[in-house]
Amino acid sequence: MARILTVEQAAEKLQMSSKIVREYLRLGKLPGRKVGRAWRVLESDLEWYVGGYVTKPAAGQRVSAKGICADISRLSTEEFSRRKQAEIELEARHRSETDR
């Protein structure tokens, strides 16, 4: 069984803030699951994410890889545009935080 990580543990491994990791999870950019009110990330999924999307995640898992959603066939054009805009804004905020 894969090790289950908290947001803080995943953020430490990615060398990112936990706030950014939560946002990536919320947007579906990073694979994870909500358990109650808390996010959890499988260590194997985190390795997949860091490794450049070498293998596919588990079936049915919502993931966005560089703006392309796994569930794109179910998205309207407006919903896809909204998600993509949110992703662009998040990356811009992340860049401005790291430039400080």
PDB file of N, CA and C in Angstrom:
ATOM      1  N   MET A   1       0.842  -1.187   0.000  1.00  0.00           N
ATOM      2  CA  MET A   1       0.000   0.000   0.000  1.00  0.00           C
ATOM      3  C   MET A   1       0.880   1.240   0.000  1.00  0.00           C
ATOM      4  N   ALA A   2       0.515   2.218  -0.804  1.00  0.00           N
ATOM      5  CA  ALA A   2       1.285   3.462  -0.912  1.00  0.00           C
ATOM      6  C   ALA A   2       1.148   4.291   0.371  1.00  0.00           C
ATOM      7  N   ARG A   3       2.195   4.994   0.699  1.00  0.00           N
ATOM      8  CA  ARG A   3       2.193   5.865   1.875  1.00  0.00           C
ATOM      9  C   ARG A   3       1.309   7.073   1.595  1.00  0.00           C
ATOM     10  N   ILE A   4       0.512   7.461   2.580  1.00  0.00           N
ATOM     11  CA  ILE A   4      -0.406   8.597   2.453  1.00  0.00           C
ATOM     12  C   ILE A   4       0.224   9.808   3.143  1.00  0.00           C
ATOM     13  N   LEU A   5       0.298  10.923   2.405  1.00  0.00           N
ATOM     14  CA  LEU A   5       0.933  12.136   2.920  1.00  0.00           C
ATOM     15  C   LEU A   5      -0.097  13.222   3.204  1.00  0.00           C
ATOM     16  N   THR A   6       0.198  14.045   4.200  1.00  0.00           N
ATOM     17  CA  THR A   6      -0.600  15.238   4.450  1.00  0.00           C
ATOM     18  C   THR A   6      -0.139  16.325   3.490  1.00  0.00           C
ATOM     19  N   VAL A   7      -0.856  17.424   3.446  1.00  0.00           N
ATOM     20  CA  VAL A   7      -0.467  18.555   2.600  1.00  0.00           C
ATOM     21  C   VAL A   7       0.912  19.057   3.009  1.00  0.00           C
ATOM     22  N   GLU A   8       1.164  19.132   4.293  1.00  0.00           N
ATOM     23  CA  GLU A   8       2.441  19.630   4.782  1.00  0.00           C
ATOM     24  C   GLU A   8       3.596  18.715   4.365  1.00  0.00           C
ATOM     25  N   GLN A   9       3.390  17.412   4.439  1.00  0.00           N
ATOM     26  CA  GLN A   9       4.422  16.459   4.027  1.00  0.00           C
ATOM     27  C   GLN A   9       4.672  16.545   2.520  1.00  0.00           C
ATOM     28  N   ALA A  10       3.594  16.665   1.742  1.00  0.00           N
ATOM     29  CA  ALA A  10       3.732  16.800   0.289  1.00  0.00           C
ATOM     30  C   ALA A  10       4.449  18.108  -0.052  1.00  0.00           C
ATOM     31  N   ALA A  11       4.114  19.183   0.643  1.00  0.00           N
ATOM     32  CA  ALA A  11       4.750  20.479   0.399  1.00  0.00           C
ATOM     33  C   ALA A  11       6.243  20.412   0.701  1.00  0.00           C
ATOM     34  N   GLU A  12       6.599  19.724   1.764  1.00  0.00           N
ATOM     35  CA  GLU A  12       8.015  19.577   2.116  1.00  0.00           C
ATOM     36  C   GLU A  12       8.765  18.822   1.021  1.00  0.00           C
ATOM     37  N   LYS A  13       8.165  17.751   0.517  1.00  0.00           N
ATOM     38  CA  LYS A  13       8.810  16.971  -0.542  1.00  0.00           C
ATOM     39  C   LYS A  13       8.944  17.783  -1.834  1.00  0.00           C
ATOM     40  N   LEU A  14       7.954  18.627  -2.125  1.00  0.00           N
ATOM     41  CA  LEU A  14       7.978  19.444  -3.337  1.00  0.00           C
ATOM     42  C   LEU A  14       8.762  20.746  -3.153  1.00  0.00           C
ATOM     43  N   GLN A  15       9.116  21.050  -1.915  1.00  0.00           N
ATOM     44  CA  GLN A  15       9.786  22.306  -1.567  1.00  0.00           C
ATOM     45  C   GLN A  15       8.938  23.498  -2.009  1.00  0.00           C
ATOM     46  N   MET A  16       7.654  23.427  -1.647  1.00  0.00           N
ATOM     47  CA  MET A  16       6.678  24.472  -1.933  1.00  0.00           C
ATOM     48  C   MET A  16       5.949  24.796  -0.641  1.00  0.00           C
ATOM     49  N   SER A  17       5.225  25.893  -0.655  1.00  0.00           N
ATOM     50  CA  SER A  17       4.410  26.207   0.519  1.00  0.00           C
ATOM     51  C   SER A  17       3.180  25.305   0.529  1.00  0.00           C
ATOM     52  N   SER A  18       2.666  25.018   1.699  1.00  0.00           N
ATOM     53  CA  SER A  18       1.478  24.175   1.797  1.00  0.00           C
ATOM     54  C   SER A  18       0.264  24.881   1.194  1.00  0.00           C
ATOM     55  N   LYS A  19       0.275  26.202   1.197  1.00  0.00           N
ATOM     56  CA  LYS A  19      -0.821  26.975   0.587  1.00  0.00           C
ATOM     57  C   LYS A  19      -0.884  26.696  -0.916  1.00  0.00           C
ATOM     58  N   ILE A  20       0.256  26.687  -1.588  1.00  0.00           N
ATOM     59  CA  ILE A  20       0.300  26.413  -3.024  1.00  0.00           C
ATOM     60  C   ILE A  20      -0.102  24.962  -3.298  1.00  0.00           C
ATOM     61  N   VAL A  21       0.357  24.038  -2.480  1.00  0.00           N
ATOM     62  CA  VAL A  21       0.002  22.627  -2.663  1.00  0.00           C
ATOM     63  C   VAL A  21      -1.511  22.453  -2.531  1.00  0.00           C
ATOM     64  N   ARG A  22      -2.130  23.099  -1.540  1.00  0.00           N
ATOM     65  CA  ARG A  22      -3.593  23.025  -1.382  1.00  0.00           C
ATOM     66  C   ARG A  22      -4.300  23.569  -2.620  1.00  0.00           C
ATOM     67  N   GLU A  23      -3.788  24.670  -3.152  1.00  0.00           N
ATOM     68  CA  GLU A  23      -4.393  25.274  -4.341  1.00  0.00           C
ATOM     69  C   GLU A  23      -4.251  24.339  -5.549  1.00  0.00           C
ATOM     70  N   TYR A  24      -3.089  23.726  -5.720  1.00  0.00           N
ATOM     71  CA  TYR A  24      -2.884  22.766  -6.809  1.00  0.00           C
ATOM     72  C   TYR A  24      -3.838  21.587  -6.661  1.00  0.00           C
ATOM     73  N   LEU A  25      -4.043  21.118  -5.441  1.00  0.00           N
ATOM     74  CA  LEU A  25      -4.973  20.022  -5.195  1.00  0.00           C
ATOM     75  C   LEU A  25      -6.398  20.451  -5.534  1.00  0.00           C
ATOM     76  N   ARG A  26      -6.773  21.631  -5.096  1.00  0.00           N
ATOM     77  CA  ARG A  26      -8.123  22.138  -5.353  1.00  0.00           C
ATOM     78  C   ARG A  26      -8.393  22.263  -6.845  1.00  0.00           C
ATOM     79  N   LEU A  27      -7.391  22.704  -7.598  1.00  0.00           N
ATOM     80  CA  LEU A  27      -7.538  22.874  -9.054  1.00  0.00           C
ATOM     81  C   LEU A  27      -7.408  21.560  -9.817  1.00  0.00           C
ATOM     82  N   GLY A  28      -6.952  20.504  -9.142  1.00  0.00           N
ATOM     83  CA  GLY A  28      -6.763  19.231  -9.815  1.00  0.00           C
ATOM     84  C   GLY A  28      -5.433  19.139 -10.541  1.00  0.00           C
ATOM     85  N   LYS A  29      -4.554  20.101 -10.319  1.00  0.00           N
ATOM     86  CA  LYS A  29      -3.240  20.089 -10.962  1.00  0.00           C
ATOM     87  C   LYS A  29      -2.334  19.037 -10.329  1.00  0.00           C
ATOM     88  N   LEU A  30      -2.527  18.779  -9.064  1.00  0.00           N
ATOM     89  CA  LEU A  30      -1.789  17.765  -8.322  1.00  0.00           C
ATOM     90  C   LEU A  30      -2.783  16.697  -7.888  1.00  0.00           C
ATOM     91  N   PRO A  31      -2.502  15.409  -8.125  1.00  0.00           N
ATOM     92  CA  PRO A  31      -3.454  14.370  -7.741  1.00  0.00           C
ATOM     93  C   PRO A  31      -3.563  14.232  -6.225  1.00  0.00           C
ATOM     94  N   GLY A  32      -4.770  14.119  -5.742  1.00  0.00           N
ATOM     95  CA  GLY A  32      -5.000  13.948  -4.315  1.00  0.00           C
ATOM     96  C   GLY A  32      -6.470  13.696  -4.053  1.00  0.00           C
ATOM     97  N   ARG A  33      -6.784  13.416  -2.818  1.00  0.00           N
ATOM     98  CA  ARG A  33      -8.168  13.146  -2.408  1.00  0.00           C
ATOM     99  C   ARG A  33      -8.482  13.926  -1.147  1.00  0.00           C
ATOM    100  N   LYS A  34      -9.732  14.335  -1.022  1.00  0.00           N
ATOM    101  CA  LYS A  34     -10.198  14.957   0.210  1.00  0.00           C
ATOM    102  C   LYS A  34     -10.719  13.876   1.131  1.00  0.00           C
ATOM    103  N   VAL A  35     -10.242  13.888   2.352  1.00  0.00           N
ATOM    104  CA  VAL A  35     -10.725  12.970   3.379  1.00  0.00           C
ATOM    105  C   VAL A  35     -11.303  13.866   4.469  1.00  0.00           C
ATOM    106  N   GLY A  36     -12.618  13.928   4.499  1.00  0.00           N
ATOM    107  CA  GLY A  36     -13.253  14.903   5.383  1.00  0.00           C
ATOM    108  C   GLY A  36     -12.942  16.300   4.866  1.00  0.00           C
ATOM    109  N   ARG A  37     -12.330  17.126   5.714  1.00  0.00           N
ATOM    110  CA  ARG A  37     -11.956  18.481   5.299  1.00  0.00           C
ATOM    111  C   ARG A  37     -10.482  18.592   4.929  1.00  0.00           C
ATOM    112  N   ALA A  38      -9.745  17.497   5.045  1.00  0.00           N
ATOM    113  CA  ALA A  38      -8.295  17.524   4.816  1.00  0.00           C
ATOM    114  C   ALA A  38      -7.930  16.817   3.516  1.00  0.00           C
ATOM    115  N   TRP A  39      -6.924  17.352   2.836  1.00  0.00           N
ATOM    116  CA  TRP A  39      -6.396  16.723   1.626  1.00  0.00           C
ATOM    117  C   TRP A  39      -5.366  15.667   1.992  1.00  0.00           C
ATOM    118  N   ARG A  40      -5.322  14.599   1.210  1.00  0.00           N
ATOM    119  CA  ARG A  40      -4.304  13.570   1.345  1.00  0.00           C
ATOM    120  C   ARG A  40      -3.745  13.263  -0.040  1.00  0.00           C
ATOM    121  N   VAL A  41      -2.446  12.985  -0.093  1.00  0.00           N
ATOM    122  CA  VAL A  41      -1.756  12.707  -1.351  1.00  0.00           C
ATOM    123  C   VAL A  41      -1.020  11.379  -1.201  1.00  0.00           C
ATOM    124  N   LEU A  42      -1.213  10.495  -2.166  1.00  0.00           N
ATOM    125  CA  LEU A  42      -0.445   9.251  -2.155  1.00  0.00           C
ATOM    126  C   LEU A  42       0.985   9.566  -2.583  1.00  0.00           C
ATOM    127  N   GLU A  43       1.936   8.988  -1.882  1.00  0.00           N
ATOM    128  CA  GLU A  43       3.338   9.230  -2.206  1.00  0.00           C
ATOM    129  C   GLU A  43       3.643   8.810  -3.648  1.00  0.00           C
ATOM    130  N   SER A  44       3.033   7.733  -4.109  1.00  0.00           N
ATOM    131  CA  SER A  44       3.254   7.286  -5.490  1.00  0.00           C
ATOM    132  C   SER A  44       2.718   8.304  -6.495  1.00  0.00           C
ATOM    133  N   ASP A  45       1.599   8.958  -6.190  1.00  0.00           N
ATOM    134  CA  ASP A  45       1.059  10.001  -7.071  1.00  0.00           C
ATOM    135  C   ASP A  45       1.967  11.223  -7.083  1.00  0.00           C
ATOM    136  N   LEU A  46       2.542  11.540  -5.938  1.00  0.00           N
ATOM    137  CA  LEU A  46       3.465  12.669  -5.856  1.00  0.00           C
ATOM    138  C   LEU A  46       4.712  12.387  -6.690  1.00  0.00           C
ATOM    139  N   GLU A  47       5.204  11.165  -6.627  1.00  0.00           N
ATOM    140  CA  GLU A  47       6.357  10.777  -7.443  1.00  0.00           C
ATOM    141  C   GLU A  47       6.006  10.842  -8.928  1.00  0.00           C
ATOM    142  N   TRP A  48       4.787  10.443  -9.279  1.00  0.00           N
ATOM    143  CA  TRP A  48       4.312  10.539 -10.654  1.00  0.00           C
ATOM    144  C   TRP A  48       4.314  12.001 -11.104  1.00  0.00           C
ATOM    145  N   TYR A  49       3.809  12.881 -10.255  1.00  0.00           N
ATOM    146  CA  TYR A  49       3.725  14.307 -10.570  1.00  0.00           C
ATOM    147  C   TYR A  49       5.120  14.901 -10.762  1.00  0.00           C
ATOM    148  N   VAL A  50       6.024  14.610  -9.846  1.00  0.00           N
ATOM    149  CA  VAL A  50       7.386  15.142  -9.908  1.00  0.00           C
ATOM    150  C   VAL A  50       8.141  14.543 -11.091  1.00  0.00           C
ATOM    151  N   GLY A  51       7.853  13.299 -11.410  1.00  0.00           N
ATOM    152  CA  GLY A  51       8.565  12.601 -12.474  1.00  0.00           C
ATOM    153  C   GLY A  51       8.161  12.998 -13.877  1.00  0.00           C
ATOM    154  N   GLY A  52       7.310  13.960 -14.019  1.00  0.00           N
ATOM    155  CA  GLY A  52       6.946  14.425 -15.344  1.00  0.00           C
ATOM    156  C   GLY A  52       5.840  13.627 -16.000  1.00  0.00           C
ATOM    157  N   TYR A  53       4.912  13.086 -15.192  1.00  0.00           N
ATOM    158  CA  TYR A  53       3.739  12.390 -15.704  1.00  0.00           C
ATOM    159  C   TYR A  53       4.129  11.179 -16.546  1.00  0.00           C
ATOM    160  N   VAL A  54       5.062  10.373 -16.039  1.00  0.00           N
ATOM    161  CA  VAL A  54       5.552   9.214 -16.776  1.00  0.00           C
ATOM    162  C   VAL A  54       4.474   8.139 -16.899  1.00  0.00           C
ATOM    163  N   THR A  55       3.723   7.899 -15.846  1.00  0.00           N
ATOM    164  CA  THR A  55       2.658   6.907 -15.887  1.00  0.00           C
ATOM    165  C   THR A  55       1.342   7.563 -15.528  1.00  0.00           C
ATOM    166  N   LYS A  56       0.253   6.905 -15.877  1.00  0.00           N
ATOM    167  CA  LYS A  56      -1.059   7.462 -15.591  1.00  0.00           C
ATOM    168  C   LYS A  56      -1.451   7.202 -14.139  1.00  0.00           C
ATOM    169  N   PRO A  57      -2.217   8.132 -13.541  1.00  0.00           N
ATOM    170  CA  PRO A  57      -2.729   7.915 -12.190  1.00  0.00           C
ATOM    171  C   PRO A  57      -3.829   6.854 -12.191  1.00  0.00           C
ATOM    172  N   ALA A  58      -4.291   6.515 -11.010  1.00  0.00           N
ATOM    173  CA  ALA A  58      -5.345   5.509 -10.866  1.00  0.00           C
ATOM    174  C   ALA A  58      -6.590   5.926 -11.643  1.00  0.00           C
ATOM    175  N   ALA A  59      -7.316   4.948 -12.130  1.00  0.00           N
ATOM    176  CA  ALA A  59      -8.522   5.207 -12.921  1.00  0.00           C
ATOM    177  C   ALA A  59      -9.526   6.022 -12.118  1.00  0.00           C
ATOM    178  N   GLY A  60     -10.121   6.988 -12.782  1.00  0.00           N
ATOM    179  CA  GLY A  60     -11.141   7.806 -12.157  1.00  0.00           C
ATOM    180  C   GLY A  60     -10.610   8.961 -11.339  1.00  0.00           C
ATOM    181  N   GLN A  61      -9.315   9.099 -11.233  1.00  0.00           N
ATOM    182  CA  GLN A  61      -8.739  10.172 -10.430  1.00  0.00           C
ATOM    183  C   GLN A  61      -8.681  11.453 -11.257  1.00  0.00           C
ATOM    184  N   ARG A  62      -9.153  12.553 -10.700  1.00  0.00           N
ATOM    185  CA  ARG A  62      -9.164  13.828 -11.396  1.00  0.00           C
ATOM    186  C   ARG A  62      -7.778  14.448 -11.343  1.00  0.00           C
ATOM    187  N   VAL A  63      -7.207  14.721 -12.512  1.00  0.00           N
ATOM    188  CA  VAL A  63      -5.864  15.275 -12.590  1.00  0.00           C
ATOM    189  C   VAL A  63      -5.820  16.264 -13.739  1.00  0.00           C
ATOM    190  N   SER A  64      -5.118  17.356 -13.548  1.00  0.00           N
ATOM    191  CA  SER A  64      -4.853  18.278 -14.635  1.00  0.00           C
ATOM    192  C   SER A  64      -3.352  18.330 -14.830  1.00  0.00           C
ATOM    193  N   ALA A  65      -2.891  17.941 -15.982  1.00  0.00           N
ATOM    194  CA  ALA A  65      -1.467  17.967 -16.275  1.00  0.00           C
ATOM    195  C   ALA A  65      -1.211  19.109 -17.240  1.00  0.00           C
ATOM    196  N   LYS A  66      -0.565  20.174 -16.705  1.00  0.00           N
ATOM    197  CA  LYS A  66      -0.242  21.349 -17.514  1.00  0.00           C
ATOM    198  C   LYS A  66      -1.470  21.885 -18.226  1.00  0.00           C
ATOM    199  N   GLY A  67      -2.564  21.973 -17.499  1.00  0.00           N
ATOM    200  CA  GLY A  67      -3.772  22.600 -18.029  1.00  0.00           C
ATOM    201  C   GLY A  67      -4.716  21.697 -18.782  1.00  0.00           C
ATOM    202  N   ILE A  68      -4.389  20.434 -18.961  1.00  0.00           N
ATOM    203  CA  ILE A  68      -5.272  19.530 -19.685  1.00  0.00           C
ATOM    204  C   ILE A  68      -5.937  18.617 -18.675  1.00  0.00           C
ATOM    205  N   CYS A  69      -7.226  18.711 -18.547  1.00  0.00           N
ATOM    206  CA  CYS A  69      -7.967  17.970 -17.521  1.00  0.00           C
ATOM    207  C   CYS A  69      -8.290  16.558 -17.990  1.00  0.00           C
ATOM    208  N   ALA A  70      -8.187  15.619 -17.072  1.00  0.00           N
ATOM    209  CA  ALA A  70      -8.529  14.236 -17.385  1.00  0.00           C
ATOM    210  C   ALA A  70     -10.020  14.099 -17.681  1.00  0.00           C
ATOM    211  N   ASP A  71     -10.819  14.983 -17.099  1.00  0.00           N
ATOM    212  CA  ASP A  71     -12.266  14.907 -17.312  1.00  0.00           C
ATOM    213  C   ASP A  71     -12.739  15.935 -18.331  1.00  0.00           C
ATOM    214  N   ILE A  72     -11.885  16.280 -19.285  1.00  0.00           N
ATOM    215  CA  ILE A  72     -12.174  17.354 -20.236  1.00  0.00           C
ATOM    216  C   ILE A  72     -13.419  17.092 -21.076  1.00  0.00           C
ATOM    217  N   SER A  73     -13.703  15.848 -21.370  1.00  0.00           N
ATOM    218  CA  SER A  73     -14.873  15.548 -22.199  1.00  0.00           C
ATOM    219  C   SER A  73     -16.173  15.959 -21.510  1.00  0.00           C
ATOM    220  N   ARG A  74     -16.147  16.075 -20.183  1.00  0.00           N
ATOM    221  CA  ARG A  74     -17.351  16.465 -19.447  1.00  0.00           C
ATOM    222  C   ARG A  74     -17.406  17.957 -19.162  1.00  0.00           C
ATOM    223  N   LEU A  75     -16.363  18.698 -19.522  1.00  0.00           N
ATOM    224  CA  LEU A  75     -16.320  20.129 -19.232  1.00  0.00           C
ATOM    225  C   LEU A  75     -16.900  20.938 -20.376  1.00  0.00           C
ATOM    226  N   SER A  76     -17.641  21.963 -20.016  1.00  0.00           N
ATOM    227  CA  SER A  76     -18.071  22.903 -21.041  1.00  0.00           C
ATOM    228  C   SER A  76     -16.891  23.816 -21.358  1.00  0.00           C
ATOM    229  N   THR A  77     -16.982  24.537 -22.450  1.00  0.00           N
ATOM    230  CA  THR A  77     -15.922  25.472 -22.823  1.00  0.00           C
ATOM    231  C   THR A  77     -15.733  26.520 -21.734  1.00  0.00           C
ATOM    232  N   GLU A  78     -16.833  26.998 -21.162  1.00  0.00           N
ATOM    233  CA  GLU A  78     -16.757  28.010 -20.116  1.00  0.00           C
ATOM    234  C   GLU A  78     -16.066  27.475 -18.861  1.00  0.00           C
ATOM    235  N   GLU A  79     -16.393  26.230 -18.478  1.00  0.00           N
ATOM    236  CA  GLU A  79     -15.789  25.624 -17.291  1.00  0.00           C
ATOM    237  C   GLU A  79     -14.299  25.389 -17.512  1.00  0.00           C
ATOM    238  N   PHE A  80     -13.928  24.898 -18.694  1.00  0.00           N
ATOM    239  CA  PHE A  80     -12.511  24.695 -18.998  1.00  0.00           C
ATOM    240  C   PHE A  80     -11.773  26.029 -18.945  1.00  0.00           C
ATOM    241  N   SER A  81     -12.348  27.069 -19.542  1.00  0.00           N
ATOM    242  CA  SER A  81     -11.725  28.401 -19.540  1.00  0.00           C
ATOM    243  C   SER A  81     -11.571  28.928 -18.115  1.00  0.00           C
ATOM    244  N   ARG A  82     -12.592  28.723 -17.281  1.00  0.00           N
ATOM    245  CA  ARG A  82     -12.533  29.185 -15.892  1.00  0.00           C
ATOM    246  C   ARG A  82     -11.419  28.481 -15.134  1.00  0.00           C
ATOM    247  N   ARG A  83     -11.315  27.160 -15.304  1.00  0.00           N
ATOM    248  CA  ARG A  83     -10.260  26.393 -14.624  1.00  0.00           C
ATOM    249  C   ARG A  83      -8.870  26.800 -15.106  1.00  0.00           C
ATOM    250  N   LYS A  84      -8.749  26.982 -16.422  1.00  0.00           N
ATOM    251  CA  LYS A  84      -7.455  27.365 -16.978  1.00  0.00           C
ATOM    252  C   LYS A  84      -7.046  28.744 -16.471  1.00  0.00           C
ATOM    253  N   GLN A  85      -7.979  29.688 -16.409  1.00  0.00           N
ATOM    254  CA  GLN A  85      -7.684  31.027 -15.904  1.00  0.00           C
ATOM    255  C   GLN A  85      -7.260  30.967 -14.434  1.00  0.00           C
ATOM    256  N   ALA A  86      -7.939  30.154 -13.636  1.00  0.00           N
ATOM    257  CA  ALA A  86      -7.568  30.000 -12.226  1.00  0.00           C
ATOM    258  C   ALA A  86      -6.163  29.426 -12.104  1.00  0.00           C
ATOM    259  N   GLU A  87      -5.827  28.480 -12.962  1.00  0.00           N
ATOM    260  CA  GLU A  87      -4.492  27.877 -12.947  1.00  0.00           C
ATOM    261  C   GLU A  87      -3.418  28.903 -13.318  1.00  0.00           C
ATOM    262  N   ILE A  88      -3.694  29.722 -14.322  1.00  0.00           N
ATOM    263  CA  ILE A  88      -2.751  30.766 -14.742  1.00  0.00           C
ATOM    264  C   ILE A  88      -2.536  31.775 -13.621  1.00  0.00           C
ATOM    265  N   GLU A  89      -3.622  32.172 -12.956  1.00  0.00           N
ATOM    266  CA  GLU A  89      -3.519  33.128 -11.851  1.00  0.00           C
ATOM    267  C   GLU A  89      -2.724  32.540 -10.689  1.00  0.00           C
ATOM    268  N   LEU A  90      -2.945  31.268 -10.393  1.00  0.00           N
ATOM    269  CA  LEU A  90      -2.205  30.608  -9.321  1.00  0.00           C
ATOM    270  C   LEU A  90      -0.711  30.582  -9.632  1.00  0.00           C
ATOM    271  N   GLU A  91      -0.357  30.223 -10.849  1.00  0.00           N
ATOM    272  CA  GLU A  91       1.049  30.177 -11.220  1.00  0.00           C
ATOM    273  C   GLU A  91       1.685  31.561 -11.176  1.00  0.00           C
ATOM    274  N   ALA A  92       0.936  32.588 -11.558  1.00  0.00           N
ATOM    275  CA  ALA A  92       1.451  33.956 -11.490  1.00  0.00           C
ATOM    276  C   ALA A  92       1.687  34.361 -10.037  1.00  0.00           C
ATOM    277  N   ARG A  93       0.741  34.013  -9.150  1.00  0.00           N
ATOM    278  CA  ARG A  93       0.920  34.309  -7.723  1.00  0.00           C
ATOM    279  C   ARG A  93       2.125  33.572  -7.162  1.00  0.00           C
ATOM    280  N   HIS A  94       2.280  32.310  -7.564  1.00  0.00           N
ATOM    281  CA  HIS A  94       3.408  31.515  -7.083  1.00  0.00           C
ATOM    282  C   HIS A  94       4.727  32.133  -7.551  1.00  0.00           C
ATOM    283  N   ARG A  95       4.779  32.562  -8.819  1.00  0.00           N
ATOM    284  CA  ARG A  95       5.995  33.200  -9.338  1.00  0.00           C
ATOM    285  C   ARG A  95       6.310  34.479  -8.587  1.00  0.00           C
ATOM    286  N   SER A  96       5.285  35.277  -8.282  1.00  0.00           N
ATOM    287  CA  SER A  96       5.540  36.533  -7.565  1.00  0.00           C
ATOM    288  C   SER A  96       6.003  36.280  -6.138  1.00  0.00           C
ATOM    289  N   GLU A  97       5.511  35.180  -5.516  1.00  0.00           N
ATOM    290  CA  GLU A  97       5.969  34.835  -4.165  1.00  0.00           C
ATOM    291  C   GLU A  97       7.419  34.386  -4.166  1.00  0.00           C
ATOM    292  N   THR A  98       7.821  33.652  -5.184  1.00  0.00           N
ATOM    293  CA  THR A  98       9.191  33.152  -5.230  1.00  0.00           C
ATOM    294  C   THR A  98      10.179  34.229  -5.652  1.00  0.00           C
ATOM    295  N   ASP A  99       9.691  35.288  -6.312  1.00  0.00           N
ATOM    296  CA  ASP A  99      10.567  36.386  -6.725  1.00  0.00           C
ATOM    297  C   ASP A  99      10.929  37.313  -5.574  1.00  0.00           C
ATOM    298  N   ARG A 100      10.171  37.228  -4.498  1.00  0.00           N
ATOM    299  CA  ARG A 100      10.400  38.130  -3.359  1.00  0.00           C
ATOM    300  C   ARG A 100      11.641  37.809  -2.626  1.00  0.00           C
TER     301      ARG A 100
END
